[in-house]
Amino acid sequence: MRLFEVAMLFLVGIVAGTMNTIVGSGGLVTFPALLAFGHTPFVANMTNNVGVMPGALSGAYAFRSELRSQWPRVIRLSALSLVGGLAGALLLLALPSKAFSAIVPVLIGLSLVLVIIQPWLRKRAAQRGGISRRHAIFHRIALFLTGVYGGYFGAAQGVLLMSVLGAMFDDTIQRLNSIKIILALWANTAAAIVFIVHGGIAWEAAGAIGVGSIIGGQLGGHIGRRLPEPVYRGVIVAFGIAAIVKLLSS
């Protein structure tokens, strides 16, 4: 790769790592950048998945204090994202590349509504004495499907995860975000294993993005841990709307 391409992908990786740690949607930056440098959509998708993984690890470390008391909860949910990510990666290899293009903007839009009304959902669940068993099962199915989407493409996966986690748990948005980082990491890891075995990853590009995303993960942690909850919720909605506009215009 040319030095200019390496430098640009490194900078893009910083932006993506920051976005993914705060909200998600970093793929909306890295994926078009890989396309611009001549990679096919299929290769760009696989390369992006592997490239952003170091940033997720960096973001998880940045949110380690929020995660410290939540590991039992995280472990219980991790299998859903892991298996979902594996299924999504296998679907990517088997289905046409535009199979999800029609439904994804709708999913993100519904997720934004859930993010906005999350405080009301919390209050209603508290009045009912908690989440019913039927709703708990539905939430876990939704987490699995979000993992499938993360393994298949993953742009705005974080927005989807935040909406589901917000409906599941009465907790601060920063603590929910720390869970989101781990669950997205599991989905990406499962997909990365499939893509590495399959072959075709542009490793130099993935490396440039990966190094940048590590820095971005720390920046995102620094910013995200200090945002007031209403502002944080507004940032999620703004990123989600940008994702919908980008996906509909592509």
C-alpha atoms as a PDB file:
ATOM      1  CA  MET A   1       0.000   0.000   0.000  1.00  0.00           C
ATOM      2  CA  ARG A   2       1.050   3.582  -0.596  1.00  0.00           C
ATOM      3  CA  LEU A   3       2.087   5.681   2.394  1.00  0.00           C
ATOM      4  CA  PHE A   4      -0.827   8.056   1.751  1.00  0.00           C
ATOM      5  CA  GLU A   5      -3.323   5.178   1.913  1.00  0.00           C
ATOM      6  CA  VAL A   6      -1.796   3.872   5.151  1.00  0.00           C
ATOM      7  CA  ALA A   7      -1.906   7.334   6.731  1.00  0.00           C
ATOM      8  CA  MET A   8      -5.510   7.948   5.688  1.00  0.00           C
ATOM      9  CA  LEU A   9      -6.716   4.555   6.923  1.00  0.00           C
ATOM     10  CA  PHE A  10      -4.864   5.152  10.194  1.00  0.00           C
ATOM     11  CA  LEU A  11      -6.713   8.468  10.659  1.00  0.00           C
ATOM     12  CA  VAL A  12     -10.008   6.860   9.647  1.00  0.00           C
ATOM     13  CA  GLY A  13      -9.311   4.145  12.203  1.00  0.00           C
ATOM     14  CA  ILE A  14      -8.972   6.766  14.946  1.00  0.00           C
ATOM     15  CA  VAL A  15     -12.340   8.257  14.005  1.00  0.00           C
ATOM     16  CA  ALA A  16     -13.997   4.830  13.785  1.00  0.00           C
ATOM     17  CA  GLY A  17     -12.539   3.683  17.109  1.00  0.00           C
ATOM     18  CA  THR A  18     -13.812   6.842  18.786  1.00  0.00           C
ATOM     19  CA  MET A  19     -17.275   6.447  17.275  1.00  0.00           C
ATOM     20  CA  ASN A  20     -17.526   2.749  18.092  1.00  0.00           C
ATOM     21  CA  THR A  21     -16.560   3.300  21.725  1.00  0.00           C
ATOM     22  CA  ILE A  22     -19.019   6.141  22.260  1.00  0.00           C
ATOM     23  CA  VAL A  23     -21.936   4.769  20.249  1.00  0.00           C
ATOM     24  CA  GLY A  24     -21.110   2.570  17.271  1.00  0.00           C
ATOM     25  CA  SER A  25     -21.375   3.259  13.512  1.00  0.00           C
ATOM     26  CA  GLY A  26     -17.618   3.440  12.955  1.00  0.00           C
ATOM     27  CA  GLY A  27     -18.113   1.155   9.971  1.00  0.00           C
ATOM     28  CA  LEU A  28     -19.860   4.025   8.209  1.00  0.00           C
ATOM     29  CA  VAL A  29     -16.440   5.719   8.079  1.00  0.00           C
ATOM     30  CA  THR A  30     -14.052   2.804   7.500  1.00  0.00           C
ATOM     31  CA  PHE A  31     -16.152   0.905   4.953  1.00  0.00           C
ATOM     32  CA  PRO A  32     -16.428   3.810   2.444  1.00  0.00           C
ATOM     33  CA  ALA A  33     -12.726   4.570   2.951  1.00  0.00           C
ATOM     34  CA  LEU A  34     -11.791   1.011   1.998  1.00  0.00           C
ATOM     35  CA  LEU A  35     -14.046   1.229  -1.056  1.00  0.00           C
ATOM     36  CA  ALA A  36     -12.407   4.531  -2.041  1.00  0.00           C
ATOM     37  CA  PHE A  37      -8.999   2.842  -2.062  1.00  0.00           C
ATOM     38  CA  GLY A  38     -10.177   0.225  -4.513  1.00  0.00           C
ATOM     39  CA  HIS A  39     -11.283  -2.699  -2.363  1.00  0.00           C
ATOM     40  CA  THR A  40     -14.411  -4.578  -3.397  1.00  0.00           C
ATOM     41  CA  PRO A  41     -17.415  -4.326  -1.034  1.00  0.00           C
ATOM     42  CA  PHE A  42     -16.943  -7.958   0.005  1.00  0.00           C
ATOM     43  CA  VAL A  43     -13.243  -7.526   0.855  1.00  0.00           C
ATOM     44  CA  ALA A  44     -13.907  -4.133   2.467  1.00  0.00           C
ATOM     45  CA  ASN A  45     -16.554  -5.654   4.725  1.00  0.00           C
ATOM     46  CA  MET A  46     -14.263  -8.446   5.933  1.00  0.00           C
ATOM     47  CA  THR A  47     -11.278  -6.121   6.292  1.00  0.00           C
ATOM     48  CA  ASN A  48     -13.302  -3.573   8.230  1.00  0.00           C
ATOM     49  CA  ASN A  49     -14.543  -6.228  10.645  1.00  0.00           C
ATOM     50  CA  VAL A  50     -10.999  -7.321  11.487  1.00  0.00           C
ATOM     51  CA  GLY A  51      -9.598  -3.781  11.498  1.00  0.00           C
ATOM     52  CA  VAL A  52     -11.917  -2.350  14.138  1.00  0.00           C
ATOM     53  CA  MET A  53     -11.450  -5.211  16.632  1.00  0.00           C
ATOM     54  CA  PRO A  54      -8.394  -3.700  18.386  1.00  0.00           C
ATOM     55  CA  GLY A  55     -10.396  -0.529  18.923  1.00  0.00           C
ATOM     56  CA  ALA A  56     -13.113  -2.499  20.693  1.00  0.00           C
ATOM     57  CA  LEU A  57     -10.534  -3.971  23.059  1.00  0.00           C
ATOM     58  CA  SER A  58      -9.159  -0.479  23.670  1.00  0.00           C
ATOM     59  CA  GLY A  59     -12.660   0.868  24.322  1.00  0.00           C
ATOM     60  CA  ALA A  60     -13.414  -1.969  26.740  1.00  0.00           C
ATOM     61  CA  TYR A  61     -10.274  -1.077  28.688  1.00  0.00           C
ATOM     62  CA  ALA A  62     -11.301   2.589  28.729  1.00  0.00           C
ATOM     63  CA  PHE A  63     -14.670   1.580  30.257  1.00  0.00           C
ATOM     64  CA  ARG A  64     -13.150  -0.974  32.661  1.00  0.00           C
ATOM     65  CA  SER A  65     -14.499   0.741  35.772  1.00  0.00           C
ATOM     66  CA  GLU A  66     -18.070   0.567  34.408  1.00  0.00           C
ATOM     67  CA  LEU A  67     -17.561  -3.097  33.531  1.00  0.00           C
ATOM     68  CA  ARG A  68     -16.024  -4.148  36.840  1.00  0.00           C
ATOM     69  CA  SER A  69     -19.288  -5.022  38.623  1.00  0.00           C
ATOM     70  CA  GLN A  70     -21.112  -6.245  35.513  1.00  0.00           C
ATOM     71  CA  TRP A  71     -19.133  -9.287  34.394  1.00  0.00           C
ATOM     72  CA  PRO A  72     -21.775 -11.856  35.468  1.00  0.00           C
ATOM     73  CA  ARG A  73     -24.310  -9.974  33.340  1.00  0.00           C
ATOM     74  CA  VAL A  74     -21.868  -9.661  30.436  1.00  0.00           C
ATOM     75  CA  ILE A  75     -20.949 -13.346  30.523  1.00  0.00           C
ATOM     76  CA  ARG A  76     -24.611 -14.383  30.454  1.00  0.00           C
ATOM     77  CA  LEU A  77     -25.241 -12.321  27.328  1.00  0.00           C
ATOM     78  CA  SER A  78     -21.962 -12.898  25.483  1.00  0.00           C
ATOM     79  CA  ALA A  79     -22.947 -16.243  23.968  1.00  0.00           C
ATOM     80  CA  LEU A  80     -25.852 -14.567  22.155  1.00  0.00           C
ATOM     81  CA  SER A  81     -23.542 -12.102  20.389  1.00  0.00           C
ATOM     82  CA  LEU A  82     -20.861 -14.721  19.759  1.00  0.00           C
ATOM     83  CA  VAL A  83     -23.223 -17.206  18.102  1.00  0.00           C
ATOM     84  CA  GLY A  84     -25.062 -14.407  16.309  1.00  0.00           C
ATOM     85  CA  GLY A  85     -21.820 -12.983  14.912  1.00  0.00           C
ATOM     86  CA  LEU A  86     -20.795 -16.423  13.681  1.00  0.00           C
ATOM     87  CA  ALA A  87     -24.164 -16.875  11.959  1.00  0.00           C
ATOM     88  CA  GLY A  88     -23.965 -13.404  10.405  1.00  0.00           C
ATOM     89  CA  ALA A  89     -20.512 -14.037   8.955  1.00  0.00           C
ATOM     90  CA  LEU A  90     -21.655 -17.325   7.425  1.00  0.00           C
ATOM     91  CA  LEU A  91     -24.683 -15.518   5.956  1.00  0.00           C
ATOM     92  CA  LEU A  92     -22.371 -12.930   4.404  1.00  0.00           C
ATOM     93  CA  LEU A  93     -20.513 -15.706   2.597  1.00  0.00           C
ATOM     94  CA  ALA A  94     -23.755 -17.347   1.473  1.00  0.00           C
ATOM     95  CA  LEU A  95     -26.199 -14.511   0.665  1.00  0.00           C
ATOM     96  CA  PRO A  96     -26.185 -11.630  -1.847  1.00  0.00           C
ATOM     97  CA  SER A  97     -24.366  -8.575  -0.511  1.00  0.00           C
ATOM     98  CA  LYS A  98     -27.556  -6.447  -0.488  1.00  0.00           C
ATOM     99  CA  ALA A  99     -29.754  -8.951   1.349  1.00  0.00           C
ATOM    100  CA  PHE A 100     -30.121  -6.708   4.431  1.00  0.00           C
ATOM    101  CA  SER A 101     -30.071  -3.329   2.665  1.00  0.00           C
ATOM    102  CA  ALA A 102     -33.825  -2.733   2.785  1.00  0.00           C
ATOM    103  CA  ILE A 103     -34.434  -3.689   6.412  1.00  0.00           C
ATOM    104  CA  VAL A 104     -31.363  -2.132   8.084  1.00  0.00           C
ATOM    105  CA  PRO A 105     -32.525   1.546   7.990  1.00  0.00           C
ATOM    106  CA  VAL A 106     -35.879   0.444   9.438  1.00  0.00           C
ATOM    107  CA  LEU A 107     -34.143  -1.446  12.243  1.00  0.00           C
ATOM    108  CA  ILE A 108     -31.972   1.537  13.098  1.00  0.00           C
ATOM    109  CA  GLY A 109     -35.001   3.848  13.060  1.00  0.00           C
ATOM    110  CA  LEU A 110     -36.899   1.615  15.475  1.00  0.00           C
ATOM    111  CA  SER A 111     -33.813   1.422  17.683  1.00  0.00           C
ATOM    112  CA  LEU A 112     -33.600   5.205  17.866  1.00  0.00           C
ATOM    113  CA  VAL A 113     -37.201   5.339  19.035  1.00  0.00           C
ATOM    114  CA  LEU A 114     -36.336   2.841  21.784  1.00  0.00           C
ATOM    115  CA  VAL A 115     -33.298   4.886  22.816  1.00  0.00           C
ATOM    116  CA  ILE A 116     -35.431   8.039  23.069  1.00  0.00           C
ATOM    117  CA  ILE A 117     -38.188   6.404  25.133  1.00  0.00           C
ATOM    118  CA  GLN A 118     -35.818   4.354  27.321  1.00  0.00           C
ATOM    119  CA  PRO A 119     -36.444   6.485  30.484  1.00  0.00           C
ATOM    120  CA  TRP A 120     -40.197   5.897  30.051  1.00  0.00           C
ATOM    121  CA  LEU A 121     -39.598   2.162  29.548  1.00  0.00           C
ATOM    122  CA  ARG A 122     -37.539   2.056  32.742  1.00  0.00           C
ATOM    123  CA  LYS A 123     -40.290   3.744  34.722  1.00  0.00           C
ATOM    124  CA  ARG A 124     -42.968   1.459  33.309  1.00  0.00           C
ATOM    125  CA  ALA A 125     -40.923  -1.676  34.043  1.00  0.00           C
ATOM    126  CA  ALA A 126     -40.371  -0.487  37.623  1.00  0.00           C
ATOM    127  CA  GLN A 127     -44.103   0.043  38.082  1.00  0.00           C
ATOM    128  CA  ARG A 128     -44.751  -3.496  36.883  1.00  0.00           C
ATOM    129  CA  GLY A 129     -42.136  -4.934  39.209  1.00  0.00           C
ATOM    130  CA  GLY A 130     -39.556  -5.621  36.497  1.00  0.00           C
ATOM    131  CA  ILE A 131     -39.432  -7.139  33.028  1.00  0.00           C
ATOM    132  CA  SER A 132     -41.719 -10.101  32.367  1.00  0.00           C
ATOM    133  CA  ARG A 133     -40.360 -13.479  31.338  1.00  0.00           C
ATOM    134  CA  ARG A 134     -41.902 -13.077  27.887  1.00  0.00           C
ATOM    135  CA  HIS A 135     -40.154  -9.747  27.368  1.00  0.00           C
ATOM    136  CA  ALA A 136     -36.862 -11.149  28.679  1.00  0.00           C
ATOM    137  CA  ILE A 137     -36.974 -13.907  26.057  1.00  0.00           C
ATOM    138  CA  PHE A 138     -37.793 -11.351  23.354  1.00  0.00           C
ATOM    139  CA  HIS A 139     -34.838  -9.187  24.422  1.00  0.00           C
ATOM    140  CA  ARG A 140     -32.437 -12.115  24.197  1.00  0.00           C
ATOM    141  CA  ILE A 141     -33.679 -12.995  20.734  1.00  0.00           C
ATOM    142  CA  ALA A 142     -33.133  -9.356  19.770  1.00  0.00           C
ATOM    143  CA  LEU A 143     -29.560  -9.490  21.103  1.00  0.00           C
ATOM    144  CA  PHE A 144     -28.890 -12.637  19.063  1.00  0.00           C
ATOM    145  CA  LEU A 145     -30.263 -10.993  15.897  1.00  0.00           C
ATOM    146  CA  THR A 146     -28.146  -7.912  16.569  1.00  0.00           C
ATOM    147  CA  GLY A 147     -25.134 -10.227  16.735  1.00  0.00           C
ATOM    148  CA  VAL A 148     -26.171 -11.713  13.376  1.00  0.00           C
ATOM    149  CA  TYR A 149     -26.286  -8.220  11.907  1.00  0.00           C
ATOM    150  CA  GLY A 150     -22.913  -7.395  13.472  1.00  0.00           C
ATOM    151  CA  GLY A 151     -21.309 -10.427  11.853  1.00  0.00           C
ATOM    152  CA  TYR A 152     -22.958  -9.698   8.510  1.00  0.00           C
ATOM    153  CA  PHE A 153     -22.169  -5.983   8.225  1.00  0.00           C
ATOM    154  CA  GLY A 154     -22.231  -4.196  11.563  1.00  0.00           C
ATOM    155  CA  ALA A 155     -22.649  -0.503  10.693  1.00  0.00           C
ATOM    156  CA  ALA A 156     -24.679   1.024  13.559  1.00  0.00           C
ATOM    157  CA  GLN A 157     -24.599  -2.277  15.449  1.00  0.00           C
ATOM    158  CA  GLY A 158     -23.892  -0.221  18.566  1.00  0.00           C
ATOM    159  CA  VAL A 159     -27.122   1.758  18.169  1.00  0.00           C
ATOM    160  CA  LEU A 160     -29.111  -1.473  17.918  1.00  0.00           C
ATOM    161  CA  LEU A 161     -27.363  -2.913  20.976  1.00  0.00           C
ATOM    162  CA  MET A 162     -27.914   0.210  23.059  1.00  0.00           C
ATOM    163  CA  SER A 163     -31.637   0.161  22.315  1.00  0.00           C
ATOM    164  CA  VAL A 164     -31.995  -3.492  23.340  1.00  0.00           C
ATOM    165  CA  LEU A 165     -29.822  -3.152  26.456  1.00  0.00           C
ATOM    166  CA  GLY A 166     -31.720  -0.021  27.465  1.00  0.00           C
ATOM    167  CA  ALA A 167     -34.976  -1.962  27.309  1.00  0.00           C
ATOM    168  CA  MET A 168     -33.472  -4.846  29.303  1.00  0.00           C
ATOM    169  CA  PHE A 169     -31.743  -3.066  32.176  1.00  0.00           C
ATOM    170  CA  ASP A 170     -32.487  -0.091  34.401  1.00  0.00           C
ATOM    171  CA  ASP A 171     -28.969   1.325  34.443  1.00  0.00           C
ATOM    172  CA  THR A 172     -26.913   4.354  33.429  1.00  0.00           C
ATOM    173  CA  ILE A 173     -26.180   4.815  29.774  1.00  0.00           C
ATOM    174  CA  GLN A 174     -22.406   4.666  30.381  1.00  0.00           C
ATOM    175  CA  ARG A 175     -22.695   1.260  32.076  1.00  0.00           C
ATOM    176  CA  LEU A 176     -24.924  -0.012  29.278  1.00  0.00           C
ATOM    177  CA  ASN A 177     -22.418   1.283  26.751  1.00  0.00           C
ATOM    178  CA  SER A 178     -19.639  -0.716  28.405  1.00  0.00           C
ATOM    179  CA  ILE A 179     -21.709  -3.893  27.930  1.00  0.00           C
ATOM    180  CA  LYS A 180     -22.375  -2.873  24.328  1.00  0.00           C
ATOM    181  CA  ILE A 181     -18.652  -2.670  23.624  1.00  0.00           C
ATOM    182  CA  ILE A 182     -18.072  -6.241  24.828  1.00  0.00           C
ATOM    183  CA  LEU A 183     -21.070  -7.704  22.988  1.00  0.00           C
ATOM    184  CA  ALA A 184     -20.090  -5.983  19.738  1.00  0.00           C
ATOM    185  CA  LEU A 185     -16.545  -7.261  20.240  1.00  0.00           C
ATOM    186  CA  TRP A 186     -17.822 -10.849  20.550  1.00  0.00           C
ATOM    187  CA  ALA A 187     -19.845 -10.538  17.331  1.00  0.00           C
ATOM    188  CA  ASN A 188     -16.849  -9.063  15.494  1.00  0.00           C
ATOM    189  CA  THR A 189     -14.508 -11.720  16.866  1.00  0.00           C
ATOM    190  CA  ALA A 190     -16.729 -14.594  15.747  1.00  0.00           C
ATOM    191  CA  ALA A 191     -17.074 -13.045  12.294  1.00  0.00           C
ATOM    192  CA  ALA A 192     -13.336 -12.347  12.081  1.00  0.00           C
ATOM    193  CA  ILE A 193     -12.532 -16.016  12.687  1.00  0.00           C
ATOM    194  CA  VAL A 194     -14.802 -16.994   9.784  1.00  0.00           C
ATOM    195  CA  PHE A 195     -13.296 -14.337   7.499  1.00  0.00           C
ATOM    196  CA  ILE A 196      -9.711 -15.258   8.374  1.00  0.00           C
ATOM    197  CA  VAL A 197     -10.397 -18.922   7.607  1.00  0.00           C
ATOM    198  CA  HIS A 198     -12.154 -17.934   4.367  1.00  0.00           C
ATOM    199  CA  GLY A 199      -9.300 -15.651   3.291  1.00  0.00           C
ATOM    200  CA  GLY A 200      -9.316 -12.450   1.263  1.00  0.00           C
ATOM    201  CA  ILE A 201      -8.706  -9.877   4.009  1.00  0.00           C
ATOM    202  CA  ALA A 202      -6.570  -6.886   3.017  1.00  0.00           C
ATOM    203  CA  TRP A 203      -4.208  -7.216   5.963  1.00  0.00           C
ATOM    204  CA  GLU A 204      -2.209  -4.026   5.487  1.00  0.00           C
ATOM    205  CA  ALA A 205      -5.398  -1.973   5.395  1.00  0.00           C
ATOM    206  CA  ALA A 206      -6.792  -3.848   8.410  1.00  0.00           C
ATOM    207  CA  GLY A 207      -3.560  -3.166  10.293  1.00  0.00           C
ATOM    208  CA  ALA A 208      -3.634   0.562   9.570  1.00  0.00           C
ATOM    209  CA  ILE A 209      -7.247   0.807  10.707  1.00  0.00           C
ATOM    210  CA  GLY A 210      -6.520  -1.369  13.739  1.00  0.00           C
ATOM    211  CA  VAL A 211      -3.675   0.794  15.037  1.00  0.00           C
ATOM    212  CA  GLY A 212      -5.765   3.927  14.606  1.00  0.00           C
ATOM    213  CA  SER A 213      -8.792   2.337  16.262  1.00  0.00           C
ATOM    214  CA  ILE A 214      -6.761   1.594  19.406  1.00  0.00           C
ATOM    215  CA  ILE A 215      -6.130   5.322  19.817  1.00  0.00           C
ATOM    216  CA  GLY A 216      -9.755   6.041  18.975  1.00  0.00           C
ATOM    217  CA  GLY A 217     -10.939   3.582  21.616  1.00  0.00           C
ATOM    218  CA  GLN A 218      -9.142   5.563  24.294  1.00  0.00           C
ATOM    219  CA  LEU A 219     -10.453   8.885  22.957  1.00  0.00           C
ATOM    220  CA  GLY A 220     -13.985   7.514  22.847  1.00  0.00           C
ATOM    221  CA  GLY A 221     -13.695   6.245  26.402  1.00  0.00           C
ATOM    222  CA  HIS A 222     -12.449   9.623  27.610  1.00  0.00           C
ATOM    223  CA  ILE A 223     -15.346  11.425  25.909  1.00  0.00           C
ATOM    224  CA  GLY A 224     -18.110   8.906  26.553  1.00  0.00           C
ATOM    225  CA  ARG A 225     -17.469   8.501  30.275  1.00  0.00           C
ATOM    226  CA  ARG A 226     -17.890  12.255  30.784  1.00  0.00           C
ATOM    227  CA  LEU A 227     -21.034  12.938  28.758  1.00  0.00           C
ATOM    228  CA  PRO A 228     -24.212  13.626  30.798  1.00  0.00           C
ATOM    229  CA  GLU A 229     -26.861  10.992  30.116  1.00  0.00           C
ATOM    230  CA  PRO A 230     -29.283  13.264  28.169  1.00  0.00           C
ATOM    231  CA  VAL A 231     -26.401  14.454  25.979  1.00  0.00           C
ATOM    232  CA  TYR A 232     -25.185  10.890  25.504  1.00  0.00           C
ATOM    233  CA  ARG A 233     -28.682   9.841  24.437  1.00  0.00           C
ATOM    234  CA  GLY A 234     -28.750  12.727  21.947  1.00  0.00           C
ATOM    235  CA  VAL A 235     -25.378  11.671  20.526  1.00  0.00           C
ATOM    236  CA  ILE A 236     -26.684   8.122  19.969  1.00  0.00           C
ATOM    237  CA  VAL A 237     -29.738   9.467  18.155  1.00  0.00           C
ATOM    238  CA  ALA A 238     -27.603  11.792  16.014  1.00  0.00           C
ATOM    239  CA  PHE A 239     -25.260   8.959  15.011  1.00  0.00           C
ATOM    240  CA  GLY A 240     -28.226   6.725  14.262  1.00  0.00           C
ATOM    241  CA  ILE A 241     -29.867   9.307  12.011  1.00  0.00           C
ATOM    242  CA  ALA A 242     -26.553   9.801  10.197  1.00  0.00           C
ATOM    243  CA  ALA A 243     -26.340   6.025   9.711  1.00  0.00           C
ATOM    244  CA  ILE A 244     -29.853   5.897   8.213  1.00  0.00           C
ATOM    245  CA  VAL A 245     -29.076   8.775   5.819  1.00  0.00           C
ATOM    246  CA  LYS A 246     -25.787   7.183   4.780  1.00  0.00           C
ATOM    247  CA  LEU A 247     -27.310   3.741   4.185  1.00  0.00           C
ATOM    248  CA  LEU A 248     -30.260   5.113   2.211  1.00  0.00           C
ATOM    249  CA  SER A 249     -28.012   7.242   0.007  1.00  0.00           C
ATOM    250  CA  SER A 250     -25.519   4.461  -0.763  1.00  0.00           C
END
